[in-house]
Amino acid sequence: MIFRADSQDTKLFINDYNLESDWDNNMKLKSLIEWIKRWEADANGKDVQTADVTEEQHKAMAQLYTYVIQKYYEIIPAATKK
């Protein structure tokens, strides 16, 4: 499947959780590196800028992460939490 974002307002967020893990032979990290190579090979890939994330967007991400963590503690039984 190919996804093309035609809007300049499109934002890409990458979950970097477990990038350092070696239990899967670092497949998540290797996959991310390959995707970055593809994006950079594409003329549009040069426009991927993490520095362009605004303070408002950082706050929105923090609120979302806080919500997810709260739901985790609310929904997941204590015995199964690590």
PDB file of N, CA and C in Angstrom:
ATOM      1  N   MET A   1       0.836  -1.165   0.000  1.00  0.00           N
ATOM      2  CA  MET A   1       0.000   0.000   0.000  1.00  0.00           C
ATOM      3  C   MET A   1       0.891   1.241   0.000  1.00  0.00           C
ATOM      4  N   ILE A   2       0.557   2.204  -0.820  1.00  0.00           N
ATOM      5  CA  ILE A   2       1.314   3.447  -0.888  1.00  0.00           C
ATOM      6  C   ILE A   2       0.422   4.570  -0.394  1.00  0.00           C
ATOM      7  N   PHE A   3       0.957   5.367   0.496  1.00  0.00           N
ATOM      8  CA  PHE A   3       0.238   6.518   1.013  1.00  0.00           C
ATOM      9  C   PHE A   3       0.945   7.772   0.559  1.00  0.00           C
ATOM     10  N   ARG A   4       0.206   8.666  -0.016  1.00  0.00           N
ATOM     11  CA  ARG A   4       0.773   9.953  -0.432  1.00  0.00           C
ATOM     12  C   ARG A   4       0.044  11.053   0.326  1.00  0.00           C
ATOM     13  N   ALA A   5       0.779  11.875   0.999  1.00  0.00           N
ATOM     14  CA  ALA A   5       0.203  13.019   1.698  1.00  0.00           C
ATOM     15  C   ALA A   5       0.417  14.246   0.835  1.00  0.00           C
ATOM     16  N   ASP A   6      -0.658  14.758   0.303  1.00  0.00           N
ATOM     17  CA  ASP A   6      -0.553  15.909  -0.581  1.00  0.00           C
ATOM     18  C   ASP A   6      -0.574  17.233   0.170  1.00  0.00           C
ATOM     19  N   SER A   7      -0.966  17.189   1.416  1.00  0.00           N
ATOM     20  CA  SER A   7      -1.082  18.411   2.189  1.00  0.00           C
ATOM     21  C   SER A   7       0.244  18.781   2.842  1.00  0.00           C
ATOM     22  N   GLN A   8       0.581  20.049   2.799  1.00  0.00           N
ATOM     23  CA  GLN A   8       1.778  20.535   3.486  1.00  0.00           C
ATOM     24  C   GLN A   8       1.591  20.480   4.994  1.00  0.00           C
ATOM     25  N   ASP A   9       0.344  20.330   5.431  1.00  0.00           N
ATOM     26  CA  ASP A   9       0.041  20.300   6.862  1.00  0.00           C
ATOM     27  C   ASP A   9       0.179  18.903   7.464  1.00  0.00           C
ATOM     28  N   THR A  10       0.470  17.905   6.642  1.00  0.00           N
ATOM     29  CA  THR A  10       0.589  16.539   7.125  1.00  0.00           C
ATOM     30  C   THR A  10       1.773  16.423   8.072  1.00  0.00           C
ATOM     31  N   LYS A  11       1.542  15.810   9.228  1.00  0.00           N
ATOM     32  CA  LYS A  11       2.606  15.604  10.216  1.00  0.00           C
ATOM     33  C   LYS A  11       2.818  14.107  10.388  1.00  0.00           C
ATOM     34  N   LEU A  12       4.053  13.701  10.510  1.00  0.00           N
ATOM     35  CA  LEU A  12       4.414  12.305  10.725  1.00  0.00           C
ATOM     36  C   LEU A  12       4.957  12.172  12.138  1.00  0.00           C
ATOM     37  N   PHE A  13       4.386  11.258  12.892  1.00  0.00           N
ATOM     38  CA  PHE A  13       4.862  10.977  14.234  1.00  0.00           C
ATOM     39  C   PHE A  13       5.362   9.545  14.265  1.00  0.00           C
ATOM     40  N   ILE A  14       6.529   9.350  14.827  1.00  0.00           N
ATOM     41  CA  ILE A  14       7.144   8.027  14.876  1.00  0.00           C
ATOM     42  C   ILE A  14       7.233   7.571  16.316  1.00  0.00           C
ATOM     43  N   ASN A  15       6.753   6.362  16.568  1.00  0.00           N
ATOM     44  CA  ASN A  15       6.858   5.772  17.890  1.00  0.00           C
ATOM     45  C   ASN A  15       8.246   5.141  18.002  1.00  0.00           C
ATOM     46  N   ASP A  16       9.075   5.730  18.840  1.00  0.00           N
ATOM     47  CA  ASP A  16      10.445   5.233  18.971  1.00  0.00           C
ATOM     48  C   ASP A  16      10.611   4.233  20.107  1.00  0.00           C
ATOM     49  N   TYR A  17       9.500   3.801  20.684  1.00  0.00           N
ATOM     50  CA  TYR A  17       9.561   2.826  21.763  1.00  0.00           C
ATOM     51  C   TYR A  17      10.177   1.523  21.255  1.00  0.00           C
ATOM     52  N   ASN A  18      11.136   1.008  21.983  1.00  0.00           N
ATOM     53  CA  ASN A  18      11.810  -0.269  21.680  1.00  0.00           C
ATOM     54  C   ASN A  18      12.724  -0.220  20.458  1.00  0.00           C
ATOM     55  N   LEU A  19      13.105   0.966  20.008  1.00  0.00           N
ATOM     56  CA  LEU A  19      14.046   1.020  18.881  1.00  0.00           C
ATOM     57  C   LEU A  19      15.371   0.356  19.241  1.00  0.00           C
ATOM     58  N   GLU A  20      15.726   0.412  20.511  1.00  0.00           N
ATOM     59  CA  GLU A  20      17.014  -0.122  20.948  1.00  0.00           C
ATOM     60  C   GLU A  20      16.968  -1.617  21.262  1.00  0.00           C
ATOM     61  N   SER A  21      15.787  -2.210  21.207  1.00  0.00           N
ATOM     62  CA  SER A  21      15.660  -3.615  21.598  1.00  0.00           C
ATOM     63  C   SER A  21      16.360  -4.540  20.610  1.00  0.00           C
ATOM     64  N   ASP A  22      16.930  -5.617  21.137  1.00  0.00           N
ATOM     65  CA  ASP A  22      17.590  -6.575  20.251  1.00  0.00           C
ATOM     66  C   ASP A  22      16.881  -7.926  20.242  1.00  0.00           C
ATOM     67  N   TRP A  23      15.755  -8.017  20.917  1.00  0.00           N
ATOM     68  CA  TRP A  23      15.027  -9.290  20.975  1.00  0.00           C
ATOM     69  C   TRP A  23      14.520  -9.718  19.599  1.00  0.00           C
ATOM     70  N   ASP A  24      14.346  -8.760  18.693  1.00  0.00           N
ATOM     71  CA  ASP A  24      13.872  -9.087  17.341  1.00  0.00           C
ATOM     72  C   ASP A  24      14.939  -8.773  16.292  1.00  0.00           C
ATOM     73  N   ASN A  25      16.207  -8.811  16.730  1.00  0.00           N
ATOM     74  CA  ASN A  25      17.327  -8.513  15.846  1.00  0.00           C
ATOM     75  C   ASN A  25      17.262  -7.069  15.344  1.00  0.00           C
ATOM     76  N   ASN A  26      16.761  -6.187  16.193  1.00  0.00           N
ATOM     77  CA  ASN A  26      16.642  -4.756  15.897  1.00  0.00           C
ATOM     78  C   ASN A  26      15.812  -4.456  14.646  1.00  0.00           C
ATOM     79  N   MET A  27      14.795  -5.256  14.407  1.00  0.00           N
ATOM     80  CA  MET A  27      13.996  -5.084  13.196  1.00  0.00           C
ATOM     81  C   MET A  27      13.250  -3.755  13.163  1.00  0.00           C
ATOM     82  N   LYS A  28      12.769  -3.267  14.315  1.00  0.00           N
ATOM     83  CA  LYS A  28      12.061  -1.990  14.310  1.00  0.00           C
ATOM     84  C   LYS A  28      13.006  -0.868  13.894  1.00  0.00           C
ATOM     85  N   LEU A  29      14.197  -0.852  14.445  1.00  0.00           N
ATOM     86  CA  LEU A  29      15.176   0.164  14.092  1.00  0.00           C
ATOM     87  C   LEU A  29      15.566   0.044  12.612  1.00  0.00           C
ATOM     88  N   LYS A  30      15.830  -1.174  12.165  1.00  0.00           N
ATOM     89  CA  LYS A  30      16.208  -1.390  10.766  1.00  0.00           C
ATOM     90  C   LYS A  30      15.096  -0.939   9.815  1.00  0.00           C
ATOM     91  N   SER A  31      13.854  -1.221  10.194  1.00  0.00           N
ATOM     92  CA  SER A  31      12.720  -0.808   9.376  1.00  0.00           C
ATOM     93  C   SER A  31      12.627   0.711   9.317  1.00  0.00           C
ATOM     94  N   LEU A  32      12.795   1.375  10.452  1.00  0.00           N
ATOM     95  CA  LEU A  32      12.749   2.834  10.480  1.00  0.00           C
ATOM     96  C   LEU A  32      13.852   3.425   9.601  1.00  0.00           C
ATOM     97  N   ILE A  33      15.034   2.878   9.677  1.00  0.00           N
ATOM     98  CA  ILE A  33      16.142   3.357   8.845  1.00  0.00           C
ATOM     99  C   ILE A  33      15.806   3.207   7.367  1.00  0.00           C
ATOM    100  N   GLU A  34      15.220   2.082   6.996  1.00  0.00           N
ATOM    101  CA  GLU A  34      14.840   1.870   5.593  1.00  0.00           C
ATOM    102  C   GLU A  34      13.772   2.866   5.150  1.00  0.00           C
ATOM    103  N   TRP A  35      12.789   3.134   6.004  1.00  0.00           N
ATOM    104  CA  TRP A  35      11.757   4.119   5.661  1.00  0.00           C
ATOM    105  C   TRP A  35      12.375   5.498   5.492  1.00  0.00           C
ATOM    106  N   ILE A  36      13.282   5.871   6.365  1.00  0.00           N
ATOM    107  CA  ILE A  36      13.929   7.179   6.249  1.00  0.00           C
ATOM    108  C   ILE A  36      14.703   7.272   4.936  1.00  0.00           C
ATOM    109  N   LYS A  37      15.387   6.198   4.572  1.00  0.00           N
ATOM    110  CA  LYS A  37      16.098   6.190   3.287  1.00  0.00           C
ATOM    111  C   LYS A  37      15.137   6.411   2.121  1.00  0.00           C
ATOM    112  N   ARG A  38      13.964   5.752   2.182  1.00  0.00           N
ATOM    113  CA  ARG A  38      12.969   5.924   1.116  1.00  0.00           C
ATOM    114  C   ARG A  38      12.464   7.362   1.071  1.00  0.00           C
ATOM    115  N   TRP A  39      12.150   7.909   2.243  1.00  0.00           N
ATOM    116  CA  TRP A  39      11.635   9.280   2.295  1.00  0.00           C
ATOM    117  C   TRP A  39      12.675  10.267   1.790  1.00  0.00           C
ATOM    118  N   GLU A  40      13.927  10.050   2.156  1.00  0.00           N
ATOM    119  CA  GLU A  40      14.974  10.968   1.721  1.00  0.00           C
ATOM    120  C   GLU A  40      15.272  10.823   0.231  1.00  0.00           C
ATOM    121  N   ALA A  41      15.036   9.652  -0.335  1.00  0.00           N
ATOM    122  CA  ALA A  41      15.252   9.438  -1.759  1.00  0.00           C
ATOM    123  C   ALA A  41      14.184  10.148  -2.583  1.00  0.00           C
ATOM    124  N   ASP A  42      13.014  10.314  -2.003  1.00  0.00           N
ATOM    125  CA  ASP A  42      11.913  11.010  -2.635  1.00  0.00           C
ATOM    126  C   ASP A  42      12.140  12.516  -2.452  1.00  0.00           C
ATOM    127  N   ALA A  43      11.896  13.290  -3.461  1.00  0.00           N
ATOM    128  CA  ALA A  43      12.105  14.743  -3.353  1.00  0.00           C
ATOM    129  C   ALA A  43      11.320  15.343  -2.193  1.00  0.00           C
ATOM    130  N   ASN A  44      10.129  14.798  -1.917  1.00  0.00           N
ATOM    131  CA  ASN A  44       9.322  15.316  -0.810  1.00  0.00           C
ATOM    132  C   ASN A  44       9.887  14.916   0.541  1.00  0.00           C
ATOM    133  N   GLY A  45      10.681  13.874   0.573  1.00  0.00           N
ATOM    134  CA  GLY A  45      11.233  13.398   1.834  1.00  0.00           C
ATOM    135  C   GLY A  45      12.166  14.392   2.488  1.00  0.00           C
ATOM    136  N   LYS A  46      12.712  15.284   1.723  1.00  0.00           N
ATOM    137  CA  LYS A  46      13.618  16.295   2.269  1.00  0.00           C
ATOM    138  C   LYS A  46      12.884  17.280   3.168  1.00  0.00           C
ATOM    139  N   ASP A  47      11.561  17.287   3.081  1.00  0.00           N
ATOM    140  CA  ASP A  47      10.771  18.232   3.861  1.00  0.00           C
ATOM    141  C   ASP A  47      10.396  17.715   5.238  1.00  0.00           C
ATOM    142  N   VAL A  48      10.842  16.526   5.609  1.00  0.00           N
ATOM    143  CA  VAL A  48      10.512  15.980   6.924  1.00  0.00           C
ATOM    144  C   VAL A  48      11.349  16.722   7.958  1.00  0.00           C
ATOM    145  N   GLN A  49      10.689  17.524   8.756  1.00  0.00           N
ATOM    146  CA  GLN A  49      11.387  18.373   9.717  1.00  0.00           C
ATOM    147  C   GLN A  49      10.771  18.207  11.102  1.00  0.00           C
ATOM    148  N   THR A  50      11.509  17.671  12.016  1.00  0.00           N
ATOM    149  CA  THR A  50      10.972  17.547  13.372  1.00  0.00           C
ATOM    150  C   THR A  50      11.043  18.872  14.114  1.00  0.00           C
ATOM    151  N   ALA A  51      11.897  19.772  13.680  1.00  0.00           N
ATOM    152  CA  ALA A  51      12.024  21.065  14.347  1.00  0.00           C
ATOM    153  C   ALA A  51      10.789  21.934  14.128  1.00  0.00           C
ATOM    154  N   ASP A  52       9.950  21.567  13.155  1.00  0.00           N
ATOM    155  CA  ASP A  52       8.763  22.366  12.854  1.00  0.00           C
ATOM    156  C   ASP A  52       7.576  22.067  13.760  1.00  0.00           C
ATOM    157  N   VAL A  53       7.726  21.133  14.679  1.00  0.00           N
ATOM    158  CA  VAL A  53       6.632  20.821  15.592  1.00  0.00           C
ATOM    159  C   VAL A  53       6.495  21.996  16.559  1.00  0.00           C
ATOM    160  N   THR A  54       5.286  22.531  16.637  1.00  0.00           N
ATOM    161  CA  THR A  54       5.051  23.713  17.465  1.00  0.00           C
ATOM    162  C   THR A  54       4.872  23.338  18.935  1.00  0.00           C
ATOM    163  N   GLU A  55       4.938  24.330  19.782  1.00  0.00           N
ATOM    164  CA  GLU A  55       4.698  24.120  21.214  1.00  0.00           C
ATOM    165  C   GLU A  55       3.292  23.578  21.434  1.00  0.00           C
ATOM    166  N   GLU A  56       2.343  24.094  20.675  1.00  0.00           N
ATOM    167  CA  GLU A  56       0.957  23.624  20.771  1.00  0.00           C
ATOM    168  C   GLU A  56       0.864  22.136  20.418  1.00  0.00           C
ATOM    169  N   GLN A  57       1.583  21.705  19.387  1.00  0.00           N
ATOM    170  CA  GLN A  57       1.572  20.302  18.990  1.00  0.00           C
ATOM    171  C   GLN A  57       2.262  19.437  20.040  1.00  0.00           C
ATOM    172  N   HIS A  58       3.343  19.933  20.630  1.00  0.00           N
ATOM    173  CA  HIS A  58       3.995  19.197  21.718  1.00  0.00           C
ATOM    174  C   HIS A  58       3.025  18.992  22.871  1.00  0.00           C
ATOM    175  N   LYS A  59       2.288  20.031  23.234  1.00  0.00           N
ATOM    176  CA  LYS A  59       1.318  19.933  24.322  1.00  0.00           C
ATOM    177  C   LYS A  59       0.208  18.952  23.982  1.00  0.00           C
ATOM    178  N   ALA A  60      -0.250  18.972  22.728  1.00  0.00           N
ATOM    179  CA  ALA A  60      -1.292  18.036  22.300  1.00  0.00           C
ATOM    180  C   ALA A  60      -0.788  16.599  22.370  1.00  0.00           C
ATOM    181  N   MET A  61       0.462  16.368  21.954  1.00  0.00           N
ATOM    182  CA  MET A  61       1.039  15.019  22.050  1.00  0.00           C
ATOM    183  C   MET A  61       1.152  14.591  23.508  1.00  0.00           C
ATOM    184  N   ALA A  62       1.586  15.521  24.367  1.00  0.00           N
ATOM    185  CA  ALA A  62       1.717  15.205  25.798  1.00  0.00           C
ATOM    186  C   ALA A  62       0.362  14.849  26.395  1.00  0.00           C
ATOM    187  N   GLN A  63      -0.676  15.569  26.002  1.00  0.00           N
ATOM    188  CA  GLN A  63      -2.017  15.265  26.493  1.00  0.00           C
ATOM    189  C   GLN A  63      -2.466  13.887  26.027  1.00  0.00           C
ATOM    190  N   LEU A  64      -2.179  13.568  24.771  1.00  0.00           N
ATOM    191  CA  LEU A  64      -2.555  12.248  24.251  1.00  0.00           C
ATOM    192  C   LEU A  64      -1.808  11.141  24.988  1.00  0.00           C
ATOM    193  N   TYR A  65      -0.506  11.303  25.185  1.00  0.00           N
ATOM    194  CA  TYR A  65       0.278  10.293  25.892  1.00  0.00           C
ATOM    195  C   TYR A  65      -0.203  10.141  27.334  1.00  0.00           C
ATOM    196  N   THR A  66      -0.536  11.252  27.975  1.00  0.00           N
ATOM    197  CA  THR A  66      -1.060  11.210  29.336  1.00  0.00           C
ATOM    198  C   THR A  66      -2.366  10.432  29.366  1.00  0.00           C
ATOM    199  N   TYR A  67      -3.236  10.682  28.399  1.00  0.00           N
ATOM    200  CA  TYR A  67      -4.508   9.967  28.309  1.00  0.00           C
ATOM    201  C   TYR A  67      -4.275   8.460  28.130  1.00  0.00           C
ATOM    202  N   VAL A  68      -3.364   8.100  27.245  1.00  0.00           N
ATOM    203  CA  VAL A  68      -3.081   6.683  26.991  1.00  0.00           C
ATOM    204  C   VAL A  68      -2.569   6.003  28.263  1.00  0.00           C
ATOM    205  N   ILE A  69      -1.660   6.651  28.962  1.00  0.00           N
ATOM    206  CA  ILE A  69      -1.115   6.080  30.200  1.00  0.00           C
ATOM    207  C   ILE A  69      -2.193   5.961  31.261  1.00  0.00           C
ATOM    208  N   GLN A  70      -3.038   6.969  31.390  1.00  0.00           N
ATOM    209  CA  GLN A  70      -4.135   6.904  32.358  1.00  0.00           C
ATOM    210  C   GLN A  70      -5.064   5.736  32.033  1.00  0.00           C
ATOM    211  N   LYS A  71      -5.383   5.560  30.773  1.00  0.00           N
ATOM    212  CA  LYS A  71      -6.260   4.453  30.370  1.00  0.00           C
ATOM    213  C   LYS A  71      -5.591   3.108  30.626  1.00  0.00           C
ATOM    214  N   TYR A  72      -4.287   3.047  30.415  1.00  0.00           N
ATOM    215  CA  TYR A  72      -3.549   1.821  30.699  1.00  0.00           C
ATOM    216  C   TYR A  72      -3.741   1.422  32.164  1.00  0.00           C
ATOM    217  N   TYR A  73      -3.520   2.378  33.058  1.00  0.00           N
ATOM    218  CA  TYR A  73      -3.664   2.083  34.484  1.00  0.00           C
ATOM    219  C   TYR A  73      -5.101   1.820  34.872  1.00  0.00           C
ATOM    220  N   GLU A  74      -6.028   2.410  34.151  1.00  0.00           N
ATOM    221  CA  GLU A  74      -7.447   2.220  34.436  1.00  0.00           C
ATOM    222  C   GLU A  74      -7.959   0.864  33.944  1.00  0.00           C
ATOM    223  N   ILE A  75      -7.496   0.436  32.784  1.00  0.00           N
ATOM    224  CA  ILE A  75      -8.072  -0.743  32.119  1.00  0.00           C
ATOM    225  C   ILE A  75      -7.279  -2.027  32.364  1.00  0.00           C
ATOM    226  N   ILE A  76      -5.965  -1.967  32.340  1.00  0.00           N
ATOM    227  CA  ILE A  76      -5.134  -3.161  32.440  1.00  0.00           C
ATOM    228  C   ILE A  76      -5.054  -3.617  33.892  1.00  0.00           C
ATOM    229  N   PRO A  77      -5.353  -4.887  34.155  1.00  0.00           N
ATOM    230  CA  PRO A  77      -5.281  -5.405  35.519  1.00  0.00           C
ATOM    231  C   PRO A  77      -3.863  -5.280  36.100  1.00  0.00           C
ATOM    232  N   ALA A  78      -3.786  -4.935  37.374  1.00  0.00           N
ATOM    233  CA  ALA A  78      -2.493  -4.712  38.044  1.00  0.00           C
ATOM    234  C   ALA A  78      -1.571  -5.930  37.924  1.00  0.00           C
ATOM    235  N   ALA A  79      -2.141  -7.122  37.983  1.00  0.00           N
ATOM    236  CA  ALA A  79      -1.333  -8.345  37.930  1.00  0.00           C
ATOM    237  C   ALA A  79      -0.608  -8.522  36.592  1.00  0.00           C
ATOM    238  N   THR A  80      -1.098  -7.887  35.541  1.00  0.00           N
ATOM    239  CA  THR A  80      -0.472  -8.047  34.227  1.00  0.00           C
ATOM    240  C   THR A  80       0.454  -6.904  33.857  1.00  0.00           C
ATOM    241  N   LYS A  81       0.511  -5.876  34.685  1.00  0.00           N
ATOM    242  CA  LYS A  81       1.385  -4.727  34.406  1.00  0.00           C
ATOM    243  C   LYS A  81       2.820  -5.070  34.772  1.00  0.00           C
ATOM    244  N   LYS A  82       3.744  -4.584  33.992  1.00  0.00           N
ATOM    245  CA  LYS A  82       5.159  -4.818  34.257  1.00  0.00           C
ATOM    246  C   LYS A  82       5.791  -3.569  34.790  1.00  0.00           C
TER     247      LYS A  82
END
